[in-house]
C-alpha atoms as a PDB file:
ATOM      1  CA  UNK A   1      22.508 196.453 -58.616  1.00  0.00           C
ATOM      2  CA  UNK A   2      25.446 195.981 -61.010  1.00  0.00           C
ATOM      3  CA  UNK A   3      23.113 196.124 -63.959  1.00  0.00           C
ATOM      4  CA  UNK A   4      21.514 199.358 -62.768  1.00  0.00           C
ATOM      5  CA  UNK A   5      24.893 201.026 -62.174  1.00  0.00           C
ATOM      6  CA  UNK A   6      26.158 199.970 -65.584  1.00  0.00           C
ATOM      7  CA  UNK A   7      23.051 201.419 -67.180  1.00  0.00           C
ATOM      8  CA  UNK A   8      23.471 204.724 -65.274  1.00  0.00           C
ATOM      9  CA  UNK A   9      27.151 204.964 -66.095  1.00  0.00           C
ATOM     10  CA  UNK A  10      26.573 204.318 -69.791  1.00  0.00           C
ATOM     11  CA  UNK A  11      24.192 207.282 -70.077  1.00  0.00           C
ATOM     12  CA  UNK A  12      25.491 209.763 -67.370  1.00  0.00           C
ATOM     13  CA  UNK A  13      29.300 209.496 -67.341  1.00  0.00           C
ATOM     14  CA  UNK A  14      29.795 210.980 -70.820  1.00  0.00           C
ATOM     15  CA  UNK A  15      27.853 214.076 -69.676  1.00  0.00           C
ATOM     16  CA  UNK A  16      29.943 214.411 -66.530  1.00  0.00           C
ATOM     17  CA  UNK A  17      33.156 214.133 -68.511  1.00  0.00           C
ATOM     18  CA  UNK A  18      31.956 216.786 -70.906  1.00  0.00           C
ATOM     19  CA  UNK A  19      31.049 219.167 -68.097  1.00  0.00           C
ATOM     20  CA  UNK A  20      34.418 218.558 -66.399  1.00  0.00           C
ATOM     21  CA  UNK A  21      36.203 219.333 -69.640  1.00  0.00           C
ATOM     22  CA  UNK A  22      34.249 222.582 -69.985  1.00  0.00           C
ATOM     23  CA  UNK A  23      35.134 223.585 -66.402  1.00  0.00           C
ATOM     24  CA  UNK A  24      38.839 222.953 -67.003  1.00  0.00           C
ATOM     25  CA  UNK A  25      38.730 225.027 -70.159  1.00  0.00           C
ATOM     26  CA  UNK A  26      37.149 227.946 -68.280  1.00  0.00           C
ATOM     27  CA  UNK A  27      39.739 227.755 -65.513  1.00  0.00           C
ATOM     28  CA  UNK A  28      42.548 227.668 -68.028  1.00  0.00           C
ATOM     29  CA  UNK A  29      41.422 231.010 -69.489  1.00  0.00           C
ATOM     30  CA  UNK A  30      40.535 232.645 -66.156  1.00  0.00           C
ATOM     31  CA  UNK A  31      42.826 235.408 -64.866  1.00  0.00           C
ATOM     32  CA  UNK A  32      45.501 233.842 -62.683  1.00  0.00           C
ATOM     33  CA  UNK A  33      45.830 234.941 -59.068  1.00  0.00           C
ATOM     34  CA  UNK A  34      49.582 235.309 -58.859  1.00  0.00           C
ATOM     35  CA  UNK A  35      51.896 235.146 -55.891  1.00  0.00           C
ATOM     36  CA  UNK A  36      54.063 238.109 -54.946  1.00  0.00           C
ATOM     37  CA  UNK A  37      56.426 238.735 -57.850  1.00  0.00           C
ATOM     38  CA  UNK A  38      57.496 242.366 -57.528  1.00  0.00           C
ATOM     39  CA  UNK A  39      58.827 244.437 -54.631  1.00  0.00           C
ATOM     40  CA  UNK A  40      59.208 248.167 -55.122  1.00  0.00           C
ATOM     41  CA  UNK A  41      61.491 249.994 -52.699  1.00  0.00           C
ATOM     42  CA  UNK A  42      60.855 253.746 -52.519  1.00  0.00           C
ATOM     43  CA  UNK A  43      63.580 255.815 -50.866  1.00  0.00           C
ATOM     44  CA  UNK A  44      62.707 259.161 -49.309  1.00  0.00           C
ATOM     45  CA  UNK A  45      66.186 260.402 -50.217  1.00  0.00           C
ATOM     46  CA  UNK A  46      69.618 259.072 -51.067  1.00  0.00           C
ATOM     47  CA  UNK A  47      70.963 259.166 -47.521  1.00  0.00           C
ATOM     48  CA  UNK A  48      73.110 256.428 -46.016  1.00  0.00           C
ATOM     49  CA  UNK A  49      70.385 255.037 -43.757  1.00  0.00           C
ATOM     50  CA  UNK A  50      67.943 254.634 -46.658  1.00  0.00           C
ATOM     51  CA  UNK A  51      70.450 252.955 -48.973  1.00  0.00           C
ATOM     52  CA  UNK A  52      71.616 250.603 -46.194  1.00  0.00           C
ATOM     53  CA  UNK A  53      68.036 249.420 -45.647  1.00  0.00           C
ATOM     54  CA  UNK A  54      67.528 248.932 -49.390  1.00  0.00           C
ATOM     55  CA  UNK A  55      70.843 247.094 -49.836  1.00  0.00           C
ATOM     56  CA  UNK A  56      70.036 244.686 -47.013  1.00  0.00           C
ATOM     57  CA  UNK A  57      66.534 243.966 -48.341  1.00  0.00           C
ATOM     58  CA  UNK A  58      67.932 243.162 -51.794  1.00  0.00           C
ATOM     59  CA  UNK A  59      70.592 240.938 -50.237  1.00  0.00           C
ATOM     60  CA  UNK A  60      68.131 238.941 -48.106  1.00  0.00           C
ATOM     61  CA  UNK A  61      65.548 238.512 -50.867  1.00  0.00           C
ATOM     62  CA  UNK A  62      68.215 237.727 -53.462  1.00  0.00           C
ATOM     63  CA  UNK A  63      69.776 234.943 -51.378  1.00  0.00           C
ATOM     64  CA  UNK A  64      66.536 232.964 -51.564  1.00  0.00           C
ATOM     65  CA  UNK A  65      65.781 233.758 -55.207  1.00  0.00           C
ATOM     66  CA  UNK A  66      62.775 235.719 -54.048  1.00  0.00           C
ATOM     67  CA  UNK A  67      60.621 238.209 -55.956  1.00  0.00           C
ATOM     68  CA  UNK A  68      62.107 240.871 -58.208  1.00  0.00           C
ATOM     69  CA  UNK A  69      63.213 243.964 -56.268  1.00  0.00           C
ATOM     70  CA  UNK A  70      63.077 247.401 -57.897  1.00  0.00           C
ATOM     71  CA  UNK A  71      64.433 250.535 -56.193  1.00  0.00           C
ATOM     72  CA  UNK A  72      62.990 253.956 -57.000  1.00  0.00           C
ATOM     73  CA  UNK A  73      63.783 257.460 -55.862  1.00  0.00           C
ATOM     74  CA  UNK A  74      60.854 259.403 -54.452  1.00  0.00           C
ATOM     75  CA  UNK A  75      60.656 261.518 -57.601  1.00  0.00           C
ATOM     76  CA  UNK A  76      60.630 258.464 -59.867  1.00  0.00           C
ATOM     77  CA  UNK A  77      57.962 256.828 -57.742  1.00  0.00           C
ATOM     78  CA  UNK A  78      55.718 259.899 -57.881  1.00  0.00           C
ATOM     79  CA  UNK A  79      55.865 259.719 -61.664  1.00  0.00           C
ATOM     80  CA  UNK A  80      54.823 256.056 -61.705  1.00  0.00           C
ATOM     81  CA  UNK A  81      52.124 255.860 -59.041  1.00  0.00           C
ATOM     82  CA  UNK A  82      49.442 255.283 -61.650  1.00  0.00           C
ATOM     83  CA  UNK A  83      50.971 252.025 -62.855  1.00  0.00           C
ATOM     84  CA  UNK A  84      51.847 250.572 -59.456  1.00  0.00           C
ATOM     85  CA  UNK A  85      48.675 248.454 -59.308  1.00  0.00           C
ATOM     86  CA  UNK A  86      49.379 246.888 -62.699  1.00  0.00           C
ATOM     87  CA  UNK A  87      51.642 244.138 -63.881  1.00  0.00           C
ATOM     88  CA  UNK A  88      51.446 241.418 -61.245  1.00  0.00           C
ATOM     89  CA  UNK A  89      51.271 241.172 -57.501  1.00  0.00           C
ATOM     90  CA  UNK A  90      53.326 243.897 -55.846  1.00  0.00           C
ATOM     91  CA  UNK A  91      54.345 245.146 -52.403  1.00  0.00           C
ATOM     92  CA  UNK A  92      55.673 248.678 -51.949  1.00  0.00           C
ATOM     93  CA  UNK A  93      58.240 249.239 -49.213  1.00  0.00           C
ATOM     94  CA  UNK A  94      58.380 252.940 -48.318  1.00  0.00           C
ATOM     95  CA  UNK A  95      61.704 253.811 -46.676  1.00  0.00           C
ATOM     96  CA  UNK A  96      61.378 256.994 -44.622  1.00  0.00           C
ATOM     97  CA  UNK A  97      58.553 259.413 -43.931  1.00  0.00           C
ATOM     98  CA  UNK A  98      58.389 261.177 -47.299  1.00  0.00           C
ATOM     99  CA  UNK A  99      58.149 257.846 -49.109  1.00  0.00           C
ATOM    100  CA  UNK A 100      55.507 256.610 -46.649  1.00  0.00           C
ATOM    101  CA  UNK A 101      53.411 259.729 -47.226  1.00  0.00           C
ATOM    102  CA  UNK A 102      53.606 259.268 -50.993  1.00  0.00           C
ATOM    103  CA  UNK A 103      52.877 255.533 -50.878  1.00  0.00           C
ATOM    104  CA  UNK A 104      49.862 256.066 -48.614  1.00  0.00           C
ATOM    105  CA  UNK A 105      48.101 257.643 -51.604  1.00  0.00           C
ATOM    106  CA  UNK A 106      48.320 254.436 -53.654  1.00  0.00           C
ATOM    107  CA  UNK A 107      45.347 252.281 -54.548  1.00  0.00           C
ATOM    108  CA  UNK A 108      44.480 250.323 -51.409  1.00  0.00           C
ATOM    109  CA  UNK A 109      44.904 247.062 -53.359  1.00  0.00           C
ATOM    110  CA  UNK A 110      48.676 247.630 -53.297  1.00  0.00           C
ATOM    111  CA  UNK A 111      50.138 246.632 -49.907  1.00  0.00           C
ATOM    112  CA  UNK A 112      52.456 249.304 -48.459  1.00  0.00           C
ATOM    113  CA  UNK A 113      55.039 248.603 -45.763  1.00  0.00           C
ATOM    114  CA  UNK A 114      56.573 251.695 -44.134  1.00  0.00           C
ATOM    115  CA  UNK A 115      60.007 251.521 -42.478  1.00  0.00           C
ATOM    116  CA  UNK A 116      62.321 254.015 -40.731  1.00  0.00           C
ATOM    117  CA  UNK A 117      59.210 255.793 -39.441  1.00  0.00           C
ATOM    118  CA  UNK A 118      58.441 256.104 -35.686  1.00  0.00           C
ATOM    119  CA  UNK A 119      55.249 254.509 -34.425  1.00  0.00           C
ATOM    120  CA  UNK A 120      53.554 257.804 -33.512  1.00  0.00           C
ATOM    121  CA  UNK A 121      54.299 259.250 -36.961  1.00  0.00           C
ATOM    122  CA  UNK A 122      53.010 256.155 -38.750  1.00  0.00           C
ATOM    123  CA  UNK A 123      49.795 256.093 -36.724  1.00  0.00           C
ATOM    124  CA  UNK A 124      49.189 259.776 -37.487  1.00  0.00           C
ATOM    125  CA  UNK A 125      49.725 259.126 -41.207  1.00  0.00           C
ATOM    126  CA  UNK A 126      47.373 256.125 -41.125  1.00  0.00           C
ATOM    127  CA  UNK A 127      44.643 258.238 -39.500  1.00  0.00           C
ATOM    128  CA  UNK A 128      45.100 261.094 -41.953  1.00  0.00           C
ATOM    129  CA  UNK A 129      44.817 258.736 -44.943  1.00  0.00           C
ATOM    130  CA  UNK A 130      41.987 256.639 -43.512  1.00  0.00           C
ATOM    131  CA  UNK A 131      44.194 253.523 -43.383  1.00  0.00           C
ATOM    132  CA  UNK A 132      44.299 252.879 -39.610  1.00  0.00           C
ATOM    133  CA  UNK A 133      42.055 249.810 -39.909  1.00  0.00           C
ATOM    134  CA  UNK A 134      43.922 248.376 -42.883  1.00  0.00           C
ATOM    135  CA  UNK A 135      46.982 246.671 -41.406  1.00  0.00           C
ATOM    136  CA  UNK A 136      46.887 243.948 -44.082  1.00  0.00           C
ATOM    137  CA  UNK A 137      47.425 246.597 -46.741  1.00  0.00           C
ATOM    138  CA  UNK A 138      49.128 249.422 -44.826  1.00  0.00           C
ATOM    139  CA  UNK A 139      51.626 248.297 -42.225  1.00  0.00           C
ATOM    140  CA  UNK A 140      55.017 249.195 -40.767  1.00  0.00           C
ATOM    141  CA  UNK A 141      58.155 248.113 -39.014  1.00  0.00           C
ATOM    142  CA  UNK A 142      58.622 250.977 -36.592  1.00  0.00           C
ATOM    143  CA  UNK A 143      61.884 252.835 -36.151  1.00  0.00           C
ATOM    144  CA  UNK A 144      61.540 253.138 -32.376  1.00  0.00           C
ATOM    145  CA  UNK A 145      61.911 250.395 -29.788  1.00  0.00           C
ATOM    146  CA  UNK A 146      59.125 248.884 -27.668  1.00  0.00           C
ATOM    147  CA  UNK A 147      58.907 250.509 -24.254  1.00  0.00           C
ATOM    148  CA  UNK A 148      59.263 247.128 -22.551  1.00  0.00           C
ATOM    149  CA  UNK A 149      62.705 246.723 -24.138  1.00  0.00           C
ATOM    150  CA  UNK A 150      63.783 250.213 -23.047  1.00  0.00           C
ATOM    151  CA  UNK A 151      62.624 249.639 -19.479  1.00  0.00           C
ATOM    152  CA  UNK A 152      64.444 246.308 -19.392  1.00  0.00           C
ATOM    153  CA  UNK A 153      67.622 248.114 -20.382  1.00  0.00           C
ATOM    154  CA  UNK A 154      67.139 250.528 -17.476  1.00  0.00           C
ATOM    155  CA  UNK A 155      66.607 247.643 -15.055  1.00  0.00           C
ATOM    156  CA  UNK A 156      69.773 245.855 -16.165  1.00  0.00           C
ATOM    157  CA  UNK A 157      72.037 248.881 -16.701  1.00  0.00           C
ATOM    158  CA  UNK A 158      70.869 250.855 -13.660  1.00  0.00           C
ATOM    159  CA  UNK A 159      69.496 248.330 -11.145  1.00  0.00           C
ATOM    160  CA  UNK A 160      69.590 250.809  -8.238  1.00  0.00           C
ATOM    161  CA  UNK A 161      67.478 253.445 -10.005  1.00  0.00           C
ATOM    162  CA  UNK A 162      63.709 253.184 -10.145  1.00  0.00           C
ATOM    163  CA  UNK A 163      62.311 256.664 -10.900  1.00  0.00           C
ATOM    164  CA  UNK A 164      62.151 257.092 -14.671  1.00  0.00           C
ATOM    165  CA  UNK A 165      61.596 260.628 -15.948  1.00  0.00           C
ATOM    166  CA  UNK A 166      60.021 261.283 -19.347  1.00  0.00           C
ATOM    167  CA  UNK A 167      59.701 264.634 -21.128  1.00  0.00           C
ATOM    168  CA  UNK A 168      56.753 264.510 -23.515  1.00  0.00           C
ATOM    169  CA  UNK A 169      55.626 266.859 -26.239  1.00  0.00           C
ATOM    170  CA  UNK A 170      52.427 266.266 -28.192  1.00  0.00           C
ATOM    171  CA  UNK A 171      53.897 263.351 -30.191  1.00  0.00           C
ATOM    172  CA  UNK A 172      55.301 261.451 -27.216  1.00  0.00           C
ATOM    173  CA  UNK A 173      52.167 262.166 -25.157  1.00  0.00           C
ATOM    174  CA  UNK A 174      50.165 259.904 -27.502  1.00  0.00           C
ATOM    175  CA  UNK A 175      52.466 257.014 -26.591  1.00  0.00           C
ATOM    176  CA  UNK A 176      52.281 257.496 -22.808  1.00  0.00           C
ATOM    177  CA  UNK A 177      49.532 254.877 -22.264  1.00  0.00           C
ATOM    178  CA  UNK A 178      51.837 252.315 -23.907  1.00  0.00           C
ATOM    179  CA  UNK A 179      54.702 253.384 -21.665  1.00  0.00           C
ATOM    180  CA  UNK A 180      52.571 253.173 -18.535  1.00  0.00           C
ATOM    181  CA  UNK A 181      51.352 249.716 -19.583  1.00  0.00           C
ATOM    182  CA  UNK A 182      54.937 248.550 -20.146  1.00  0.00           C
ATOM    183  CA  UNK A 183      55.911 249.809 -16.720  1.00  0.00           C
ATOM    184  CA  UNK A 184      52.950 248.223 -14.963  1.00  0.00           C
ATOM    185  CA  UNK A 185      53.988 245.442 -12.666  1.00  0.00           C
ATOM    186  CA  UNK A 186      57.656 246.496 -12.700  1.00  0.00           C
ATOM    187  CA  UNK A 187      59.478 248.238  -9.891  1.00  0.00           C
ATOM    188  CA  UNK A 188      59.967 251.308 -12.092  1.00  0.00           C
ATOM    189  CA  UNK A 189      57.971 254.467 -11.459  1.00  0.00           C
ATOM    190  CA  UNK A 190      57.247 256.576 -14.534  1.00  0.00           C
ATOM    191  CA  UNK A 191      57.287 260.353 -13.963  1.00  0.00           C
ATOM    192  CA  UNK A 192      56.059 262.492 -16.853  1.00  0.00           C
ATOM    193  CA  UNK A 193      56.488 266.192 -17.501  1.00  0.00           C
ATOM    194  CA  UNK A 194      54.582 267.498 -20.519  1.00  0.00           C
ATOM    195  CA  UNK A 195      55.976 270.261 -22.726  1.00  0.00           C
ATOM    196  CA  UNK A 196      54.031 272.471 -25.129  1.00  0.00           C
ATOM    197  CA  UNK A 197      56.766 274.895 -26.273  1.00  0.00           C
ATOM    198  CA  UNK A 198      60.411 274.397 -27.129  1.00  0.00           C
ATOM    199  CA  UNK A 199      61.363 277.245 -24.759  1.00  0.00           C
ATOM    200  CA  UNK A 200      59.911 275.206 -21.892  1.00  0.00           C
ATOM    201  CA  UNK A 201      62.047 272.118 -22.475  1.00  0.00           C
ATOM    202  CA  UNK A 202      64.920 272.934 -20.111  1.00  0.00           C
ATOM    203  CA  UNK A 203      62.751 274.430 -17.304  1.00  0.00           C
ATOM    204  CA  UNK A 204      60.470 271.375 -17.529  1.00  0.00           C
ATOM    205  CA  UNK A 205      63.493 269.095 -17.463  1.00  0.00           C
ATOM    206  CA  UNK A 206      64.797 270.708 -14.261  1.00  0.00           C
ATOM    207  CA  UNK A 207      61.407 270.185 -12.659  1.00  0.00           C
ATOM    208  CA  UNK A 208      61.304 266.548 -13.821  1.00  0.00           C
ATOM    209  CA  UNK A 209      64.790 265.729 -12.538  1.00  0.00           C
ATOM    210  CA  UNK A 210      63.810 266.597  -8.963  1.00  0.00           C
ATOM    211  CA  UNK A 211      61.750 263.402  -8.821  1.00  0.00           C
ATOM    212  CA  UNK A 212      63.701 261.204 -11.238  1.00  0.00           C
ATOM    213  CA  UNK A 213      67.005 259.349 -11.116  1.00  0.00           C
ATOM    214  CA  UNK A 214      67.147 258.410 -14.806  1.00  0.00           C
ATOM    215  CA  UNK A 215      65.825 260.176 -17.916  1.00  0.00           C
ATOM    216  CA  UNK A 216      64.269 258.036 -20.669  1.00  0.00           C
ATOM    217  CA  UNK A 217      64.437 259.871 -23.987  1.00  0.00           C
ATOM    218  CA  UNK A 218      61.273 259.218 -25.986  1.00  0.00           C
ATOM    219  CA  UNK A 219      61.335 260.415 -29.626  1.00  0.00           C
ATOM    220  CA  UNK A 220      59.500 263.722 -29.889  1.00  0.00           C
ATOM    221  CA  UNK A 221      60.460 266.468 -32.363  1.00  0.00           C
ATOM    222  CA  UNK A 222      59.562 269.247 -29.938  1.00  0.00           C
ATOM    223  CA  UNK A 223      61.696 267.905 -27.091  1.00  0.00           C
ATOM    224  CA  UNK A 224      64.607 266.184 -28.824  1.00  0.00           C
ATOM    225  CA  UNK A 225      65.996 268.185 -31.728  1.00  0.00           C
ATOM    226  CA  UNK A 226      69.226 269.914 -32.743  1.00  0.00           C
ATOM    227  CA  UNK A 227      68.267 273.051 -30.814  1.00  0.00           C
ATOM    228  CA  UNK A 228      67.615 271.296 -27.495  1.00  0.00           C
ATOM    229  CA  UNK A 229      69.856 268.243 -27.282  1.00  0.00           C
ATOM    230  CA  UNK A 230      72.998 269.983 -26.020  1.00  0.00           C
ATOM    231  CA  UNK A 231      71.080 271.776 -23.265  1.00  0.00           C
ATOM    232  CA  UNK A 232      69.295 268.562 -22.293  1.00  0.00           C
ATOM    233  CA  UNK A 233      72.493 266.563 -21.940  1.00  0.00           C
ATOM    234  CA  UNK A 234      74.358 269.317 -20.089  1.00  0.00           C
ATOM    235  CA  UNK A 235      71.476 269.751 -17.638  1.00  0.00           C
ATOM    236  CA  UNK A 236      71.194 266.040 -16.883  1.00  0.00           C
ATOM    237  CA  UNK A 237      74.968 265.848 -16.448  1.00  0.00           C
ATOM    238  CA  UNK A 238      74.920 268.676 -13.914  1.00  0.00           C
ATOM    239  CA  UNK A 239      72.218 266.837 -11.976  1.00  0.00           C
ATOM    240  CA  UNK A 240      74.199 263.579 -12.379  1.00  0.00           C
ATOM    241  CA  UNK A 241      71.139 261.934 -13.919  1.00  0.00           C
ATOM    242  CA  UNK A 242      71.956 259.385 -16.650  1.00  0.00           C
ATOM    243  CA  UNK A 243      70.081 259.497 -19.950  1.00  0.00           C
ATOM    244  CA  UNK A 244      68.794 256.396 -21.758  1.00  0.00           C
ATOM    245  CA  UNK A 245      68.724 257.369 -25.422  1.00  0.00           C
ATOM    246  CA  UNK A 246      67.112 255.982 -28.562  1.00  0.00           C
ATOM    247  CA  UNK A 247      70.039 256.048 -30.996  1.00  0.00           C
ATOM    248  CA  UNK A 248      73.783 255.549 -31.206  1.00  0.00           C
ATOM    249  CA  UNK A 249      74.243 259.259 -31.894  1.00  0.00           C
ATOM    250  CA  UNK A 250      72.722 260.070 -28.495  1.00  0.00           C
ATOM    251  CA  UNK A 251      75.216 257.786 -26.747  1.00  0.00           C
ATOM    252  CA  UNK A 252      78.068 259.450 -28.599  1.00  0.00           C
ATOM    253  CA  UNK A 253      76.675 262.863 -27.609  1.00  0.00           C
ATOM    254  CA  UNK A 254      76.467 262.046 -23.900  1.00  0.00           C
ATOM    255  CA  UNK A 255      73.653 259.603 -23.107  1.00  0.00           C
ATOM    256  CA  UNK A 256      74.733 256.744 -20.854  1.00  0.00           C
ATOM    257  CA  UNK A 257      73.110 253.888 -22.789  1.00  0.00           C
ATOM    258  CA  UNK A 258      70.729 253.317 -25.662  1.00  0.00           C
ATOM    259  CA  UNK A 259      68.855 250.498 -27.344  1.00  0.00           C
ATOM    260  CA  UNK A 260      68.202 250.998 -31.044  1.00  0.00           C
ATOM    261  CA  UNK A 261      68.069 249.282 -34.429  1.00  0.00           C
ATOM    262  CA  UNK A 262      70.486 250.179 -37.212  1.00  0.00           C
ATOM    263  CA  UNK A 263      69.289 250.289 -40.854  1.00  0.00           C
ATOM    264  CA  UNK A 264      70.738 246.878 -41.844  1.00  0.00           C
ATOM    265  CA  UNK A 265      68.856 245.276 -38.942  1.00  0.00           C
ATOM    266  CA  UNK A 266      65.614 246.850 -40.139  1.00  0.00           C
ATOM    267  CA  UNK A 267      66.419 245.718 -43.682  1.00  0.00           C
ATOM    268  CA  UNK A 268      66.994 242.157 -42.485  1.00  0.00           C
ATOM    269  CA  UNK A 269      63.569 242.080 -40.853  1.00  0.00           C
ATOM    270  CA  UNK A 270      61.892 243.555 -43.934  1.00  0.00           C
ATOM    271  CA  UNK A 271      63.605 241.017 -46.199  1.00  0.00           C
ATOM    272  CA  UNK A 272      62.506 238.113 -44.023  1.00  0.00           C
ATOM    273  CA  UNK A 273      58.951 239.428 -43.969  1.00  0.00           C
ATOM    274  CA  UNK A 274      58.859 239.744 -47.749  1.00  0.00           C
ATOM    275  CA  UNK A 275      60.207 236.231 -48.228  1.00  0.00           C
ATOM    276  CA  UNK A 276      57.416 235.030 -45.968  1.00  0.00           C
ATOM    277  CA  UNK A 277      54.909 236.626 -48.343  1.00  0.00           C
ATOM    278  CA  UNK A 278      56.552 235.386 -51.537  1.00  0.00           C
ATOM    279  CA  UNK A 279      54.414 232.259 -51.831  1.00  0.00           C
ATOM    280  CA  UNK A 280      51.163 233.966 -50.932  1.00  0.00           C
ATOM    281  CA  UNK A 281      48.452 234.803 -53.405  1.00  0.00           C
ATOM    282  CA  UNK A 282      47.202 238.342 -52.843  1.00  0.00           C
ATOM    283  CA  UNK A 283      49.873 238.935 -50.164  1.00  0.00           C
ATOM    284  CA  UNK A 284      48.594 240.445 -46.910  1.00  0.00           C
ATOM    285  CA  UNK A 285      51.048 242.255 -44.652  1.00  0.00           C
ATOM    286  CA  UNK A 286      51.462 241.343 -40.977  1.00  0.00           C
ATOM    287  CA  UNK A 287      50.293 243.931 -38.420  1.00  0.00           C
ATOM    288  CA  UNK A 288      52.610 246.874 -37.632  1.00  0.00           C
ATOM    289  CA  UNK A 289      55.478 245.752 -35.415  1.00  0.00           C
ATOM    290  CA  UNK A 290      58.590 246.881 -33.577  1.00  0.00           C
ATOM    291  CA  UNK A 291      62.118 246.009 -34.687  1.00  0.00           C
ATOM    292  CA  UNK A 292      63.051 242.396 -34.138  1.00  0.00           C
ATOM    293  CA  UNK A 293      66.802 242.965 -34.230  1.00  0.00           C
ATOM    294  CA  UNK A 294      68.480 245.605 -32.068  1.00  0.00           C
ATOM    295  CA  UNK A 295      71.756 246.814 -30.565  1.00  0.00           C
ATOM    296  CA  UNK A 296      72.821 248.190 -27.188  1.00  0.00           C
ATOM    297  CA  UNK A 297      75.522 250.838 -26.771  1.00  0.00           C
ATOM    298  CA  UNK A 298      77.166 252.299 -23.648  1.00  0.00           C
ATOM    299  CA  UNK A 299      79.126 255.527 -23.156  1.00  0.00           C
ATOM    300  CA  UNK A 300      81.705 254.329 -20.632  1.00  0.00           C
ATOM    301  CA  UNK A 301      83.254 257.772 -20.268  1.00  0.00           C
ATOM    302  CA  UNK A 302      79.913 259.130 -19.028  1.00  0.00           C
ATOM    303  CA  UNK A 303      79.547 256.120 -16.754  1.00  0.00           C
ATOM    304  CA  UNK A 304      82.962 256.757 -15.161  1.00  0.00           C
ATOM    305  CA  UNK A 305      82.311 260.472 -14.718  1.00  0.00           C
ATOM    306  CA  UNK A 306      79.015 259.719 -12.941  1.00  0.00           C
ATOM    307  CA  UNK A 307      80.487 256.898 -10.871  1.00  0.00           C
ATOM    308  CA  UNK A 308      78.167 254.313 -12.419  1.00  0.00           C
ATOM    309  CA  UNK A 309      79.244 250.717 -13.003  1.00  0.00           C
ATOM    310  CA  UNK A 310      77.695 249.314 -16.166  1.00  0.00           C
ATOM    311  CA  UNK A 311      77.952 245.863 -17.724  1.00  0.00           C
ATOM    312  CA  UNK A 312      79.619 245.689 -21.099  1.00  0.00           C
ATOM    313  CA  UNK A 313      77.437 246.047 -24.178  1.00  0.00           C
ATOM    314  CA  UNK A 314      77.379 242.348 -25.066  1.00  0.00           C
ATOM    315  CA  UNK A 315      76.205 241.384 -21.572  1.00  0.00           C
ATOM    316  CA  UNK A 316      73.514 244.068 -21.507  1.00  0.00           C
ATOM    317  CA  UNK A 317      72.308 243.084 -24.967  1.00  0.00           C
ATOM    318  CA  UNK A 318      72.054 239.429 -23.967  1.00  0.00           C
ATOM    319  CA  UNK A 319      70.117 240.266 -20.792  1.00  0.00           C
ATOM    320  CA  UNK A 320      67.645 242.467 -22.671  1.00  0.00           C
ATOM    321  CA  UNK A 321      67.230 239.909 -25.446  1.00  0.00           C
ATOM    322  CA  UNK A 322      66.593 237.055 -23.022  1.00  0.00           C
ATOM    323  CA  UNK A 323      64.096 239.121 -21.055  1.00  0.00           C
ATOM    324  CA  UNK A 324      62.216 239.898 -24.262  1.00  0.00           C
ATOM    325  CA  UNK A 325      62.062 236.232 -25.215  1.00  0.00           C
ATOM    326  CA  UNK A 326      60.491 235.402 -21.845  1.00  0.00           C
ATOM    327  CA  UNK A 327      57.667 237.919 -22.282  1.00  0.00           C
ATOM    328  CA  UNK A 328      54.249 236.400 -23.118  1.00  0.00           C
END
């Protein structure tokens, strides 16, 4: 046996070594598949919210010596779209709707992550651009909160109220199945009044408040805008119905409580996501997701005027956070 192996090795091993050397030479000259090395941030405008997101992303990525981060205005980005797919592995982070719309036109090989865009708006954009089945290359961290988190806030802030009213225009109406699913199994009853014209907002609200003891504000440009917000808050105050808002500005304007994510919290989540992709070859984005980090605010003056006792913000935040961690 030893003799036969020695004979085989003497004649075959040199050929194997030669072929192995040839293979190594080919691999050495083959195009390298590179890990993520370039992040391009595109800002819809130079507003405070956009710059705060960008600053936080750069801070998070920079702390870990992550990929290079380049920030472009929307105008500068539009002038460079043709070269975005060149020069290494890149992810584009589109901050705001205008940037998301522009980035959606990129070559599908360039992953695009949209932020500061509500879920309904992002899903509409994905459908319009034929990207709704491409979450690995066209994804988002939504601006709005998951309905489960909002309903948990209602349960903890207003434990004696169970009839949740929702005014819905066309945008919010698309999200109603998600809201109903979030409310399923809870003690909360969801009452919906649909609105098709801005002039119908206040009359529809009065109708809704007859069967509701709390109003959940769901982002919808027809219902909640600068023309309607004062009338909405005054009407709910007259009916002594508290409003659960979706931003700090709504609490300051007269909503009782709100759960929301501020731009630095969104930026933190984006930065962590990008660092998670930094070692990947041909980075693929995670599916669209809601904000991971959030805040809770209370308008205690409104609470006193309505005779409502509310936990302090830190307690409410901790209750909502813990409830979210216990969800499957």
